Amino acid sequence: ENKKKYEFIEDLPGVGPATAGKLRELGYHTVESVAMATSRELDPVGV
C-alpha cells in the first residue's frame, strides 16, 4: 500500500519541469530508466 506508482518522470518527488527536461536530454525518458541510474550519472542534471 505504501508503494506509489509514478507514471511519468515529472511525477517523481523533487522533479520539476526543468529537472525533467534535463533528465530527458540525458536520455532518461521513463521512470524505469531513472530507477536503473546511479546518482553520479545524474550529475549533469544539476541537482
All heavy atoms as atom14 arrays in JSON, in Angstrom:
{
  "sequence": "ENKKKYEFIEDLPGVGPATAGKLRELGYHTVESVAMATSRELDPVGV",
  "atom14_mask": [
    [1, 1, 1, 1, 1, 1, 1, 1, 1, 0, 0, 0, 0, 0],
    [1, 1, 1, 1, 1, 1, 1, 1, 0, 0, 0, 0, 0, 0],
    [1, 1, 1, 1, 1, 1, 1, 1, 1, 0, 0, 0, 0, 0],
    [1, 1, 1, 1, 1, 1, 1, 1, 1, 0, 0, 0, 0, 0],
    [1, 1, 1, 1, 1, 1, 1, 1, 1, 0, 0, 0, 0, 0],
    [1, 1, 1, 1, 1, 1, 1, 1, 1, 1, 1, 1, 0, 0],
    [1, 1, 1, 1, 1, 1, 1, 1, 1, 0, 0, 0, 0, 0],
    [1, 1, 1, 1, 1, 1, 1, 1, 1, 1, 1, 0, 0, 0],
    [1, 1, 1, 1, 1, 1, 1, 1, 0, 0, 0, 0, 0, 0],
    [1, 1, 1, 1, 1, 1, 1, 1, 1, 0, 0, 0, 0, 0],
    [1, 1, 1, 1, 1, 1, 1, 1, 0, 0, 0, 0, 0, 0],
    [1, 1, 1, 1, 1, 1, 1, 1, 0, 0, 0, 0, 0, 0],
    [1, 1, 1, 1, 1, 1, 1, 0, 0, 0, 0, 0, 0, 0],
    [1, 1, 1, 1, 0, 0, 0, 0, 0, 0, 0, 0, 0, 0],
    [1, 1, 1, 1, 1, 1, 1, 0, 0, 0, 0, 0, 0, 0],
    [1, 1, 1, 1, 0, 0, 0, 0, 0, 0, 0, 0, 0, 0],
    [1, 1, 1, 1, 1, 1, 1, 0, 0, 0, 0, 0, 0, 0],
    [1, 1, 1, 1, 1, 0, 0, 0, 0, 0, 0, 0, 0, 0],
    [1, 1, 1, 1, 1, 1, 1, 0, 0, 0, 0, 0, 0, 0],
    [1, 1, 1, 1, 1, 0, 0, 0, 0, 0, 0, 0, 0, 0],
    [1, 1, 1, 1, 0, 0, 0, 0, 0, 0, 0, 0, 0, 0],
    [1, 1, 1, 1, 1, 1, 1, 1, 1, 0, 0, 0, 0, 0],
    [1, 1, 1, 1, 1, 1, 1, 1, 0, 0, 0, 0, 0, 0],
    [1, 1, 1, 1, 1, 1, 1, 1, 1, 1, 1, 0, 0, 0],
    [1, 1, 1, 1, 1, 1, 1, 1, 1, 0, 0, 0, 0, 0],
    [1, 1, 1, 1, 1, 1, 1, 1, 0, 0, 0, 0, 0, 0],
    [1, 1, 1, 1, 0, 0, 0, 0, 0, 0, 0, 0, 0, 0],
    [1, 1, 1, 1, 1, 1, 1, 1, 1, 1, 1, 1, 0, 0],
    [1, 1, 1, 1, 1, 1, 1, 1, 1, 1, 0, 0, 0, 0],
    [1, 1, 1, 1, 1, 1, 1, 0, 0, 0, 0, 0, 0, 0],
    [1, 1, 1, 1, 1, 1, 1, 0, 0, 0, 0, 0, 0, 0],
    [1, 1, 1, 1, 1, 1, 1, 1, 1, 0, 0, 0, 0, 0],
    [1, 1, 1, 1, 1, 1, 0, 0, 0, 0, 0, 0, 0, 0],
    [1, 1, 1, 1, 1, 1, 1, 0, 0, 0, 0, 0, 0, 0],
    [1, 1, 1, 1, 1, 0, 0, 0, 0, 0, 0, 0, 0, 0],
    [1, 1, 1, 1, 1, 1, 1, 1, 0, 0, 0, 0, 0, 0],
    [1, 1, 1, 1, 1, 0, 0, 0, 0, 0, 0, 0, 0, 0],
    [1, 1, 1, 1, 1, 1, 1, 0, 0, 0, 0, 0, 0, 0],
    [1, 1, 1, 1, 1, 1, 0, 0, 0, 0, 0, 0, 0, 0],
    [1, 1, 1, 1, 1, 1, 1, 1, 1, 1, 1, 0, 0, 0],
    [1, 1, 1, 1, 1, 1, 1, 1, 1, 0, 0, 0, 0, 0],
    [1, 1, 1, 1, 1, 1, 1, 1, 0, 0, 0, 0, 0, 0],
    [1, 1, 1, 1, 1, 1, 1, 1, 0, 0, 0, 0, 0, 0],
    [1, 1, 1, 1, 1, 1, 1, 0, 0, 0, 0, 0, 0, 0],
    [1, 1, 1, 1, 1, 1, 1, 0, 0, 0, 0, 0, 0, 0],
    [1, 1, 1, 1, 0, 0, 0, 0, 0, 0, 0, 0, 0, 0],
    [1, 1, 1, 1, 1, 1, 1, 0, 0, 0, 0, 0, 0, 0]
  ],
  "atom14_positions": [
    [[0.82, -1.22, 0.0], [0.0, 0.0, 0.0], [0.85, 1.27, 0.0], [0.43, 2.32, -0.45], [-0.92, 0.02, 1.23], [-2.01, -1.04, 1.21], [-1.5, -2.4, 1.67], [-0.32, -2.51, 2.08], [-2.27, -3.37, 1.6], [0.0, 0.0, 0.0], [0.0, 0.0, 0.0], [0.0, 0.0, 0.0], [0.0, 0.0, 0.0], [0.0, 0.0, 0.0]],
    [[2.07, 1.15, 0.59], [2.94, 2.33, 0.68], [3.69, 2.62, -0.61], [4.35, 3.63, -0.74], [3.95, 2.15, 1.82], [3.27, 2.21, 3.17], [2.11, 2.6, 3.26], [3.98, 1.81, 4.22], [0.0, 0.0, 0.0], [0.0, 0.0, 0.0], [0.0, 0.0, 0.0], [0.0, 0.0, 0.0], [0.0, 0.0, 0.0], [0.0, 0.0, 0.0]],
    [[3.59, 1.7, -1.55], [4.26, 1.91, -2.82], [3.41, 2.8, -3.71], [2.25, 2.5, -3.97], [4.48, 0.57, -3.53], [5.65, -0.2, -3.0], [5.87, -1.4, -3.89], [7.0, -2.24, -3.35], [7.21, -3.43, -4.16], [0.0, 0.0, 0.0], [0.0, 0.0, 0.0], [0.0, 0.0, 0.0], [0.0, 0.0, 0.0], [0.0, 0.0, 0.0]],
    [[4.01, 3.85, -4.2], [3.28, 4.76, -5.06], [3.77, 4.58, -6.48], [4.97, 4.55, -6.73], [3.49, 6.2, -4.59], [2.57, 7.18, -5.29], [2.6, 8.54, -4.64], [1.67, 9.49, -5.39], [1.72, 10.85, -4.84], [0.0, 0.0, 0.0], [0.0, 0.0, 0.0], [0.0, 0.0, 0.0], [0.0, 0.0, 0.0], [0.0, 0.0, 0.0]],
    [[2.86, 4.45, -7.41], [3.22, 4.28, -8.82], [3.39, 5.64, -9.46], [2.49, 6.48, -9.41], [2.14, 3.48, -9.55], [2.25, 1.99, -9.34], [3.33, 1.42, -10.22], [3.47, -0.09, -10.05], [4.63, -0.6, -10.79], [0.0, 0.0, 0.0], [0.0, 0.0, 0.0], [0.0, 0.0, 0.0], [0.0, 0.0, 0.0], [0.0, 0.0, 0.0]],
    [[4.54, 5.84, -10.07], [4.79, 7.08, -10.82], [4.82, 6.73, -12.3], [5.63, 5.91, -12.73], [6.13, 7.7, -10.39], [6.2, 8.02, -8.91], [7.0, 7.26, -8.05], [5.49, 9.09, -8.38], [7.07, 7.54, -6.7], [5.55, 9.39, -7.02], [6.34, 8.61, -6.19], [6.41, 8.89, -4.86], [0.0, 0.0, 0.0], [0.0, 0.0, 0.0]],
    [[3.94, 7.36, -13.05], [3.83, 7.03, -14.47], [4.84, 7.8, -15.31], [5.46, 7.26, -16.22], [2.41, 7.31, -14.97], [2.14, 6.69, -16.33], [0.68, 6.84, -16.76], [-0.16, 7.19, -15.92], [0.42, 6.62, -17.94], [0.0, 0.0, 0.0], [0.0, 0.0, 0.0], [0.0, 0.0, 0.0], [0.0, 0.0, 0.0], [0.0, 0.0, 0.0]],
    [[5.02, 9.08, -15.01], [5.95, 9.93, -15.77], [7.03, 10.45, -14.84], [6.83, 10.55, -13.62], [5.2, 11.11, -16.41], [4.06, 10.69, -17.29], [2.74, 10.82, -16.85], [4.29, 10.14, -18.54], [1.68, 10.42, -17.65], [3.24, 9.73, -19.35], [1.94, 9.87, -18.9], [0.0, 0.0, 0.0], [0.0, 0.0, 0.0], [0.0, 0.0, 0.0]],
    [[8.19, 10.85, -15.41], [9.29, 11.3, -14.55], [8.92, 12.58, -13.8], [9.42, 12.82, -12.71], [10.61, 11.48, -15.35], [10.44, 12.41, -16.56], [11.17, 10.15, -15.78], [11.75, 12.69, -17.28], [0.0, 0.0, 0.0], [0.0, 0.0, 0.0], [0.0, 0.0, 0.0], [0.0, 0.0, 0.0], [0.0, 0.0, 0.0], [0.0, 0.0, 0.0]],
    [[7.99, 13.39, -14.36], [7.54, 14.6, -13.66], [6.79, 14.27, -12.37], [6.68, 15.1, -11.47], [6.61, 15.44, -14.54], [7.28, 16.18, -15.68], [7.36, 15.35, -16.95], [7.11, 14.12, -16.89], [7.67, 15.92, -18.0], [0.0, 0.0, 0.0], [0.0, 0.0, 0.0], [0.0, 0.0, 0.0], [0.0, 0.0, 0.0], [0.0, 0.0, 0.0]],
    [[6.26, 13.03, -12.29], [5.51, 12.62, -11.1], [6.43, 12.32, -9.91], [5.97, 12.27, -8.77], [4.67, 11.37, -11.4], [3.66, 11.61, -12.51], [3.29, 12.78, -12.72], [3.23, 10.63, -13.16], [0.0, 0.0, 0.0], [0.0, 0.0, 0.0], [0.0, 0.0, 0.0], [0.0, 0.0, 0.0], [0.0, 0.0, 0.0], [0.0, 0.0, 0.0]],
    [[7.72, 12.09, -10.19], [8.65, 11.74, -9.12], [8.86, 12.93, -8.19], [9.0, 14.07, -8.66], [10.01, 11.32, -9.71], [10.04, 10.01, -10.49], [11.34, 9.89, -11.28], [9.88, 8.81, -9.57], [0.0, 0.0, 0.0], [0.0, 0.0, 0.0], [0.0, 0.0, 0.0], [0.0, 0.0, 0.0], [0.0, 0.0, 0.0], [0.0, 0.0, 0.0]],
    [[8.87, 12.72, -6.88], [9.07, 13.83, -5.95], [10.42, 14.5, -6.18], [11.43, 13.82, -6.31], [9.01, 13.18, -4.57], [8.95, 11.72, -4.78], [8.65, 11.44, -6.19], [0.0, 0.0, 0.0], [0.0, 0.0, 0.0], [0.0, 0.0, 0.0], [0.0, 0.0, 0.0], [0.0, 0.0, 0.0], [0.0, 0.0, 0.0], [0.0, 0.0, 0.0]],
    [[10.4, 15.83, -6.26], [11.64, 16.58, -6.48], [11.99, 16.82, -7.92], [13.0, 17.46, -8.22], [0.0, 0.0, 0.0], [0.0, 0.0, 0.0], [0.0, 0.0, 0.0], [0.0, 0.0, 0.0], [0.0, 0.0, 0.0], [0.0, 0.0, 0.0], [0.0, 0.0, 0.0], [0.0, 0.0, 0.0], [0.0, 0.0, 0.0], [0.0, 0.0, 0.0]],
    [[11.15, 16.31, -8.85], [11.41, 16.52, -10.28], [10.4, 17.51, -10.84], [9.23, 17.19, -11.03], [11.34, 15.19, -11.07], [11.54, 15.44, -12.55], [12.38, 14.21, -10.55], [0.0, 0.0, 0.0], [0.0, 0.0, 0.0], [0.0, 0.0, 0.0], [0.0, 0.0, 0.0], [0.0, 0.0, 0.0], [0.0, 0.0, 0.0], [0.0, 0.0, 0.0]],
    [[10.86, 18.74, -11.06], [10.02, 19.76, -11.69], [10.22, 19.75, -13.19], [11.0, 18.95, -13.72], [0.0, 0.0, 0.0], [0.0, 0.0, 0.0], [0.0, 0.0, 0.0], [0.0, 0.0, 0.0], [0.0, 0.0, 0.0], [0.0, 0.0, 0.0], [0.0, 0.0, 0.0], [0.0, 0.0, 0.0], [0.0, 0.0, 0.0], [0.0, 0.0, 0.0]],
    [[9.56, 20.66, -13.92], [9.67, 20.71, -15.39], [11.12, 20.88, -15.88], [11.53, 20.24, -16.85], [8.82, 21.92, -15.77], [7.86, 22.09, -14.64], [8.59, 21.64, -13.41], [0.0, 0.0, 0.0], [0.0, 0.0, 0.0], [0.0, 0.0, 0.0], [0.0, 0.0, 0.0], [0.0, 0.0, 0.0], [0.0, 0.0, 0.0], [0.0, 0.0, 0.0]],
    [[11.9, 21.74, -15.19], [13.29, 21.99, -15.62], [14.15, 20.74, -15.44], [14.9, 20.34, -16.34], [13.88, 23.15, -14.83], [0.0, 0.0, 0.0], [0.0, 0.0, 0.0], [0.0, 0.0, 0.0], [0.0, 0.0, 0.0], [0.0, 0.0, 0.0], [0.0, 0.0, 0.0], [0.0, 0.0, 0.0], [0.0, 0.0, 0.0], [0.0, 0.0, 0.0]],
    [[14.01, 20.09, -14.26], [14.77, 18.86, -13.99], [14.36, 17.75, -14.96], [15.21, 17.01, -15.46], [14.56, 18.41, -12.53], [14.89, 19.48, -11.67], [15.42, 17.21, -12.2], [0.0, 0.0, 0.0], [0.0, 0.0, 0.0], [0.0, 0.0, 0.0], [0.0, 0.0, 0.0], [0.0, 0.0, 0.0], [0.0, 0.0, 0.0], [0.0, 0.0, 0.0]],
    [[13.06, 17.66, -15.22], [12.55, 16.63, -16.15], [13.15, 16.85, -17.55], [13.54, 15.89, -18.22], [11.03, 16.68, -16.22], [0.0, 0.0, 0.0], [0.0, 0.0, 0.0], [0.0, 0.0, 0.0], [0.0, 0.0, 0.0], [0.0, 0.0, 0.0], [0.0, 0.0, 0.0], [0.0, 0.0, 0.0], [0.0, 0.0, 0.0], [0.0, 0.0, 0.0]],
    [[13.24, 18.12, -17.96], [13.81, 18.44, -19.27], [15.27, 18.01, -19.36], [15.7, 17.44, -20.37], [0.0, 0.0, 0.0], [0.0, 0.0, 0.0], [0.0, 0.0, 0.0], [0.0, 0.0, 0.0], [0.0, 0.0, 0.0], [0.0, 0.0, 0.0], [0.0, 0.0, 0.0], [0.0, 0.0, 0.0], [0.0, 0.0, 0.0], [0.0, 0.0, 0.0]],
    [[16.03, 18.26, -18.28], [17.45, 17.88, -18.26], [17.61, 16.35, -18.23], [18.53, 15.8, -18.85], [18.13, 18.51, -17.05], [18.35, 20.02, -17.21], [18.96, 20.62, -15.96], [19.1, 22.13, -16.1], [19.58, 22.75, -14.85], [0.0, 0.0, 0.0], [0.0, 0.0, 0.0], [0.0, 0.0, 0.0], [0.0, 0.0, 0.0], [0.0, 0.0, 0.0]],
    [[16.72, 15.67, -17.51], [16.76, 14.2, -17.48], [16.53, 13.63, -18.87], [17.22, 12.69, -19.29], [15.7, 13.66, -16.51], [16.03, 13.72, -15.01], [14.79, 13.41, -14.18], [17.15, 12.75, -14.66], [0.0, 0.0, 0.0], [0.0, 0.0, 0.0], [0.0, 0.0, 0.0], [0.0, 0.0, 0.0], [0.0, 0.0, 0.0], [0.0, 0.0, 0.0]],
    [[15.58, 14.22, -19.59], [15.29, 13.74, -20.95], [16.48, 14.0, -21.88], [16.77, 13.18, -22.76], [14.02, 14.4, -21.49], [12.76, 13.85, -20.84], [11.5, 14.18, -21.63], [10.37, 13.46, -21.08], [9.56, 13.93, -20.12], [9.78, 15.13, -19.61], [8.56, 13.19, -19.67], [0.0, 0.0, 0.0], [0.0, 0.0, 0.0], [0.0, 0.0, 0.0]],
    [[17.15, 15.13, -21.69], [18.33, 15.43, -22.5], [19.43, 14.38, -22.28], [20.19, 14.05, -23.18], [18.89, 16.81, -22.14], [18.1, 17.98, -22.74], [18.58, 19.33, -22.24], [19.74, 19.41, -21.77], [17.8, 20.3, -22.3], [0.0, 0.0, 0.0], [0.0, 0.0, 0.0], [0.0, 0.0, 0.0], [0.0, 0.0, 0.0], [0.0, 0.0, 0.0]],
    [[19.48, 13.85, -21.07], [20.48, 12.82, -20.73], [20.04, 11.42, -21.19], [20.81, 10.47, -21.07], [20.71, 12.78, -19.22], [21.59, 13.88, -18.62], [21.63, 13.75, -17.11], [22.99, 13.82, -19.18], [0.0, 0.0, 0.0], [0.0, 0.0, 0.0], [0.0, 0.0, 0.0], [0.0, 0.0, 0.0], [0.0, 0.0, 0.0], [0.0, 0.0, 0.0]],
    [[18.8, 11.31, -21.66], [18.31, 10.01, -22.13], [17.42, 9.28, -21.17], [17.07, 8.11, -21.38], [0.0, 0.0, 0.0], [0.0, 0.0, 0.0], [0.0, 0.0, 0.0], [0.0, 0.0, 0.0], [0.0, 0.0, 0.0], [0.0, 0.0, 0.0], [0.0, 0.0, 0.0], [0.0, 0.0, 0.0], [0.0, 0.0, 0.0], [0.0, 0.0, 0.0]],
    [[17.0, 9.96, -20.07], [16.09, 9.33, -19.09], [14.67, 9.82, -19.35], [14.28, 10.88, -18.88], [16.54, 9.66, -17.66], [17.92, 9.13, -17.34], [19.03, 9.96, -17.36], [18.11, 7.78, -17.03], [20.3, 9.47, -17.1], [19.37, 7.28, -16.76], [20.46, 8.13, -16.79], [21.72, 7.64, -16.53], [0.0, 0.0, 0.0], [0.0, 0.0, 0.0]],
    [[13.93, 9.03, -20.11], [12.58, 9.44, -20.51], [11.49, 8.76, -19.69], [10.34, 9.18, -19.73], [12.35, 9.12, -22.0], [13.29, 9.82, -22.92], [13.04, 11.06, -23.45], [14.5, 9.46, -23.4], [14.04, 11.43, -24.22], [14.95, 10.48, -24.21], [0.0, 0.0, 0.0], [0.0, 0.0, 0.0], [0.0, 0.0, 0.0], [0.0, 0.0, 0.0]],
    [[11.84, 7.67, -18.99], [10.84, 6.9, -18.26], [11.28, 6.69, -16.81], [12.48, 6.77, -16.49], [10.6, 5.53, -18.91], [11.84, 4.8, -18.89], [10.12, 5.66, -20.35], [0.0, 0.0, 0.0], [0.0, 0.0, 0.0], [0.0, 0.0, 0.0], [0.0, 0.0, 0.0], [0.0, 0.0, 0.0], [0.0, 0.0, 0.0], [0.0, 0.0, 0.0]],
    [[10.31, 6.39, -15.96], [10.6, 6.09, -14.55], [11.51, 4.88, -14.45], [12.43, 4.83, -13.62], [9.27, 5.86, -13.78], [9.55, 5.4, -12.35], [8.42, 7.12, -13.77], [0.0, 0.0, 0.0], [0.0, 0.0, 0.0], [0.0, 0.0, 0.0], [0.0, 0.0, 0.0], [0.0, 0.0, 0.0], [0.0, 0.0, 0.0], [0.0, 0.0, 0.0]],
    [[11.3, 3.89, -15.34], [12.11, 2.67, -15.32], [13.59, 2.98, -15.55], [14.47, 2.42, -14.89], [11.64, 1.68, -16.39], [10.3, 1.03, -16.09], [9.11, 1.83, -16.61], [9.28, 3.03, -16.98], [8.01, 1.28, -16.65], [0.0, 0.0, 0.0], [0.0, 0.0, 0.0], [0.0, 0.0, 0.0], [0.0, 0.0, 0.0], [0.0, 0.0, 0.0]],
    [[13.88, 3.88, -16.5], [15.28, 4.19, -16.79], [15.93, 4.99, -15.66], [17.11, 4.8, -15.36], [15.41, 4.95, -18.12], [14.71, 6.16, -18.09], [0.0, 0.0, 0.0], [0.0, 0.0, 0.0], [0.0, 0.0, 0.0], [0.0, 0.0, 0.0], [0.0, 0.0, 0.0], [0.0, 0.0, 0.0], [0.0, 0.0, 0.0], [0.0, 0.0, 0.0]],
    [[15.17, 5.87, -15.0], [15.69, 6.62, -13.85], [16.02, 5.64, -12.71], [17.03, 5.78, -12.02], [14.69, 7.7, -13.38], [15.18, 8.36, -12.08], [14.49, 8.76, -14.45], [0.0, 0.0, 0.0], [0.0, 0.0, 0.0], [0.0, 0.0, 0.0], [0.0, 0.0, 0.0], [0.0, 0.0, 0.0], [0.0, 0.0, 0.0], [0.0, 0.0, 0.0]],
    [[15.17, 4.63, -12.53], [15.38, 3.64, -11.46], [16.68, 2.88, -11.63], [17.28, 2.43, -10.65], [14.2, 2.67, -11.43], [0.0, 0.0, 0.0], [0.0, 0.0, 0.0], [0.0, 0.0, 0.0], [0.0, 0.0, 0.0], [0.0, 0.0, 0.0], [0.0, 0.0, 0.0], [0.0, 0.0, 0.0], [0.0, 0.0, 0.0], [0.0, 0.0, 0.0]],
    [[17.14, 2.73, -12.87], [18.36, 1.97, -13.15], [19.61, 2.86, -13.16], [20.72, 2.39, -13.43], [18.24, 1.24, -14.5], [17.15, 0.21, -14.54], [17.47, -1.16, -13.41], [15.97, -2.13, -13.61], [0.0, 0.0, 0.0], [0.0, 0.0, 0.0], [0.0, 0.0, 0.0], [0.0, 0.0, 0.0], [0.0, 0.0, 0.0], [0.0, 0.0, 0.0]],
    [[19.45, 4.17, -12.91], [20.58, 5.11, -12.95], [21.33, 5.12, -11.63], [20.85, 4.63, -10.61], [20.08, 6.51, -13.27], [0.0, 0.0, 0.0], [0.0, 0.0, 0.0], [0.0, 0.0, 0.0], [0.0, 0.0, 0.0], [0.0, 0.0, 0.0], [0.0, 0.0, 0.0], [0.0, 0.0, 0.0], [0.0, 0.0, 0.0], [0.0, 0.0, 0.0]],
    [[22.53, 5.71, -11.64], [23.28, 5.96, -10.41], [23.27, 7.47, -10.16], [23.09, 8.26, -11.1], [24.74, 5.48, -10.53], [25.4, 6.24, -11.55], [24.81, 4.0, -10.88], [0.0, 0.0, 0.0], [0.0, 0.0, 0.0], [0.0, 0.0, 0.0], [0.0, 0.0, 0.0], [0.0, 0.0, 0.0], [0.0, 0.0, 0.0], [0.0, 0.0, 0.0]],
    [[23.48, 7.86, -8.91], [23.43, 9.29, -8.58], [24.52, 10.05, -9.33], [24.33, 11.2, -9.73], [23.56, 9.51, -7.07], [24.69, 8.84, -6.57], [0.0, 0.0, 0.0], [0.0, 0.0, 0.0], [0.0, 0.0, 0.0], [0.0, 0.0, 0.0], [0.0, 0.0, 0.0], [0.0, 0.0, 0.0], [0.0, 0.0, 0.0], [0.0, 0.0, 0.0]],
    [[25.66, 9.41, -9.59], [26.74, 10.07, -10.34], [26.33, 10.34, -11.78], [26.7, 11.36, -12.36], [28.0, 9.2, -10.3], [29.19, 9.83, -10.99], [30.45, 9.02, -10.81], [30.98, 9.12, -9.46], [32.1, 8.52, -9.06], [32.8, 7.81, -9.9], [32.52, 8.66, -7.82], [0.0, 0.0, 0.0], [0.0, 0.0, 0.0], [0.0, 0.0, 0.0]],
    [[25.55, 9.43, -12.36], [25.09, 9.62, -13.74], [24.14, 10.81, -13.88], [23.96, 11.34, -14.97], [24.41, 8.34, -14.25], [25.39, 7.21, -14.57], [24.7, 5.88, -14.85], [23.5, 5.73, -14.54], [25.37, 4.99, -15.39], [0.0, 0.0, 0.0], [0.0, 0.0, 0.0], [0.0, 0.0, 0.0], [0.0, 0.0, 0.0], [0.0, 0.0, 0.0]],
    [[23.54, 11.22, -12.76], [22.61, 12.36, -12.79], [23.3, 13.68, -12.47], [22.64, 14.71, -12.37], [21.44, 12.13, -11.82], [20.54, 10.92, -12.07], [19.28, 11.02, -11.23], [20.15, 10.77, -13.53], [0.0, 0.0, 0.0], [0.0, 0.0, 0.0], [0.0, 0.0, 0.0], [0.0, 0.0, 0.0], [0.0, 0.0, 0.0], [0.0, 0.0, 0.0]],
    [[24.64, 13.67, -12.34], [25.4, 14.91, -12.06], [25.07, 16.05, -13.04], [24.86, 17.19, -12.62], [26.91, 14.64, -12.09], [27.41, 14.09, -10.75], [26.62, 14.1, -9.78], [28.57, 13.65, -10.69], [0.0, 0.0, 0.0], [0.0, 0.0, 0.0], [0.0, 0.0, 0.0], [0.0, 0.0, 0.0], [0.0, 0.0, 0.0], [0.0, 0.0, 0.0]],
    [[25.03, 15.78, -14.38], [24.77, 16.86, -15.33], [23.4, 17.52, -15.17], [23.15, 18.59, -15.73], [24.88, 16.17, -16.7], [25.68, 14.94, -16.45], [25.31, 14.51, -15.08], [0.0, 0.0, 0.0], [0.0, 0.0, 0.0], [0.0, 0.0, 0.0], [0.0, 0.0, 0.0], [0.0, 0.0, 0.0], [0.0, 0.0, 0.0], [0.0, 0.0, 0.0]],
    [[22.49, 16.88, -14.44], [21.15, 17.46, -14.24], [21.23, 18.73, -13.39], [20.4, 19.64, -13.5], [20.2, 16.42, -13.58], [18.87, 17.04, -13.21], [20.0, 15.24, -14.52], [0.0, 0.0, 0.0], [0.0, 0.0, 0.0], [0.0, 0.0, 0.0], [0.0, 0.0, 0.0], [0.0, 0.0, 0.0], [0.0, 0.0, 0.0], [0.0, 0.0, 0.0]],
    [[22.27, 18.79, -12.52], [22.46, 19.99, -11.71], [21.83, 19.9, -10.33], [21.64, 20.92, -9.67], [0.0, 0.0, 0.0], [0.0, 0.0, 0.0], [0.0, 0.0, 0.0], [0.0, 0.0, 0.0], [0.0, 0.0, 0.0], [0.0, 0.0, 0.0], [0.0, 0.0, 0.0], [0.0, 0.0, 0.0], [0.0, 0.0, 0.0], [0.0, 0.0, 0.0]],
    [[21.45, 18.71, -9.89], [20.91, 18.55, -8.54], [22.0, 17.97, -7.65], [22.96, 17.37, -8.14], [19.65, 17.64, -8.52], [18.52, 18.28, -9.28], [19.96, 16.25, -9.05], [0.0, 0.0, 0.0], [0.0, 0.0, 0.0], [0.0, 0.0, 0.0], [0.0, 0.0, 0.0], [0.0, 0.0, 0.0], [0.0, 0.0, 0.0], [0.0, 0.0, 0.0]]
  ]
}
